[in-house]
Amino acid sequence: MELDSSPEKIRQSVEGSLKRLQTDYIDIYYQHRNDPNVEPEVVAQTMKELIDEGKIKAWGAFLKQLKNI
């Protein structure tokens, strides 16, 4: 499974979901896996921008590594 939490990939995924769901916004967008190559702050900034744009209402993320549980 490819892990890519780059801002570009997040935006591509959100746009794809909006199109498939035939809606203007997503109530909650959840990131199920961490990309160790992208800082959580970068993901948070991208999600904030998507909220400001009205594409998502809220977001969540699983931030713990499996080995830390």
C-alpha atoms as a PDB file:
ATOM      1  CA  MET A   1       0.000   0.000   0.000  1.00  0.00           C
ATOM      2  CA  GLU A   2       1.346   3.399  -0.980  1.00  0.00           C
ATOM      3  CA  LEU A   3       1.625   5.960   1.799  1.00  0.00           C
ATOM      4  CA  ASP A   4       1.525   9.479   0.428  1.00  0.00           C
ATOM      5  CA  SER A   5       0.293  12.308   2.637  1.00  0.00           C
ATOM      6  CA  SER A   6       1.725  15.053   0.481  1.00  0.00           C
ATOM      7  CA  PRO A   7      -0.575  18.059   0.089  1.00  0.00           C
ATOM      8  CA  GLU A   8      -0.960  17.221  -3.588  1.00  0.00           C
ATOM      9  CA  LYS A   9      -2.057  13.636  -2.878  1.00  0.00           C
ATOM     10  CA  ILE A  10      -4.441  14.714  -0.115  1.00  0.00           C
ATOM     11  CA  ARG A  11      -6.076  17.224  -2.470  1.00  0.00           C
ATOM     12  CA  GLN A  12      -6.266  14.630  -5.242  1.00  0.00           C
ATOM     13  CA  SER A  13      -7.913  12.156  -2.847  1.00  0.00           C
ATOM     14  CA  VAL A  14     -10.430  14.717  -1.568  1.00  0.00           C
ATOM     15  CA  GLU A  15     -11.350  15.813  -5.095  1.00  0.00           C
ATOM     16  CA  GLY A  16     -11.797  12.168  -6.105  1.00  0.00           C
ATOM     17  CA  SER A  17     -14.026  11.504  -3.106  1.00  0.00           C
ATOM     18  CA  LEU A  18     -16.138  14.587  -3.821  1.00  0.00           C
ATOM     19  CA  LYS A  19     -16.626  13.465  -7.394  1.00  0.00           C
ATOM     20  CA  ARG A  20     -17.474   9.853  -6.495  1.00  0.00           C
ATOM     21  CA  LEU A  21     -19.862  10.959  -3.735  1.00  0.00           C
ATOM     22  CA  GLN A  22     -21.392  13.605  -6.015  1.00  0.00           C
ATOM     23  CA  THR A  23     -21.272  16.221  -3.278  1.00  0.00           C
ATOM     24  CA  ASP A  24     -19.730  19.617  -2.611  1.00  0.00           C
ATOM     25  CA  TYR A  25     -18.234  18.745   0.781  1.00  0.00           C
ATOM     26  CA  ILE A  26     -17.243  15.858   3.040  1.00  0.00           C
ATOM     27  CA  ASP A  27     -18.460  15.904   6.653  1.00  0.00           C
ATOM     28  CA  ILE A  28     -15.331  14.273   8.073  1.00  0.00           C
ATOM     29  CA  TYR A  29     -12.163  13.269   6.259  1.00  0.00           C
ATOM     30  CA  TYR A  30     -10.066  10.700   8.122  1.00  0.00           C
ATOM     31  CA  GLN A  31      -6.441   9.796   7.527  1.00  0.00           C
ATOM     32  CA  HIS A  32      -6.077   6.130   8.501  1.00  0.00           C
ATOM     33  CA  ARG A  33      -2.348   5.741   7.963  1.00  0.00           C
ATOM     34  CA  ASN A  34       0.696   7.877   8.676  1.00  0.00           C
ATOM     35  CA  ASP A  35       3.159   8.787   5.992  1.00  0.00           C
ATOM     36  CA  PRO A  36       6.473   8.933   7.872  1.00  0.00           C
ATOM     37  CA  ASN A  37       7.888  11.217   5.162  1.00  0.00           C
ATOM     38  CA  VAL A  38       5.379  14.023   5.752  1.00  0.00           C
ATOM     39  CA  GLU A  39       5.272  16.016   8.976  1.00  0.00           C
ATOM     40  CA  PRO A  40       1.879  16.050  10.754  1.00  0.00           C
ATOM     41  CA  GLU A  41       1.955  19.861  10.617  1.00  0.00           C
ATOM     42  CA  VAL A  42       1.991  19.729   6.802  1.00  0.00           C
ATOM     43  CA  VAL A  43      -1.050  17.452   6.811  1.00  0.00           C
ATOM     44  CA  ALA A  44      -2.801  19.727   9.333  1.00  0.00           C
ATOM     45  CA  GLN A  45      -2.151  22.817   7.208  1.00  0.00           C
ATOM     46  CA  THR A  46      -3.545  21.082   4.119  1.00  0.00           C
ATOM     47  CA  MET A  47      -6.650  20.005   6.028  1.00  0.00           C
ATOM     48  CA  LYS A  48      -7.122  23.557   7.344  1.00  0.00           C
ATOM     49  CA  GLU A  49      -6.983  24.871   3.782  1.00  0.00           C
ATOM     50  CA  LEU A  50      -9.563  22.285   2.675  1.00  0.00           C
ATOM     51  CA  ILE A  51     -11.831  23.331   5.563  1.00  0.00           C
ATOM     52  CA  ASP A  52     -11.391  27.003   4.641  1.00  0.00           C
ATOM     53  CA  GLU A  53     -12.304  26.122   1.039  1.00  0.00           C
ATOM     54  CA  GLY A  54     -15.460  24.340   2.247  1.00  0.00           C
ATOM     55  CA  LYS A  55     -14.418  20.962   0.823  1.00  0.00           C
ATOM     56  CA  ILE A  56     -14.310  19.222   4.210  1.00  0.00           C
ATOM     57  CA  LYS A  57     -16.058  20.127   7.464  1.00  0.00           C
ATOM     58  CA  ALA A  58     -13.695  18.317   9.840  1.00  0.00           C
ATOM     59  CA  TRP A  59     -10.815  15.847   9.792  1.00  0.00           C
ATOM     60  CA  GLY A  60      -9.187  13.233  11.931  1.00  0.00           C
ATOM     61  CA  ALA A  61      -6.015  11.184  11.818  1.00  0.00           C
ATOM     62  CA  PHE A  62      -4.474   8.136  13.390  1.00  0.00           C
ATOM     63  CA  LEU A  63      -1.113   9.488  14.488  1.00  0.00           C
ATOM     64  CA  LYS A  64       0.362   6.631  16.522  1.00  0.00           C
ATOM     65  CA  GLN A  65       2.722   4.137  14.959  1.00  0.00           C
ATOM     66  CA  LEU A  66       1.523   0.544  15.368  1.00  0.00           C
ATOM     67  CA  LYS A  67       4.779  -0.347  17.138  1.00  0.00           C
ATOM     68  CA  ASN A  68       3.961   2.279  19.833  1.00  0.00           C
ATOM     69  CA  ILE A  69       0.632   0.732  20.809  1.00  0.00           C
END
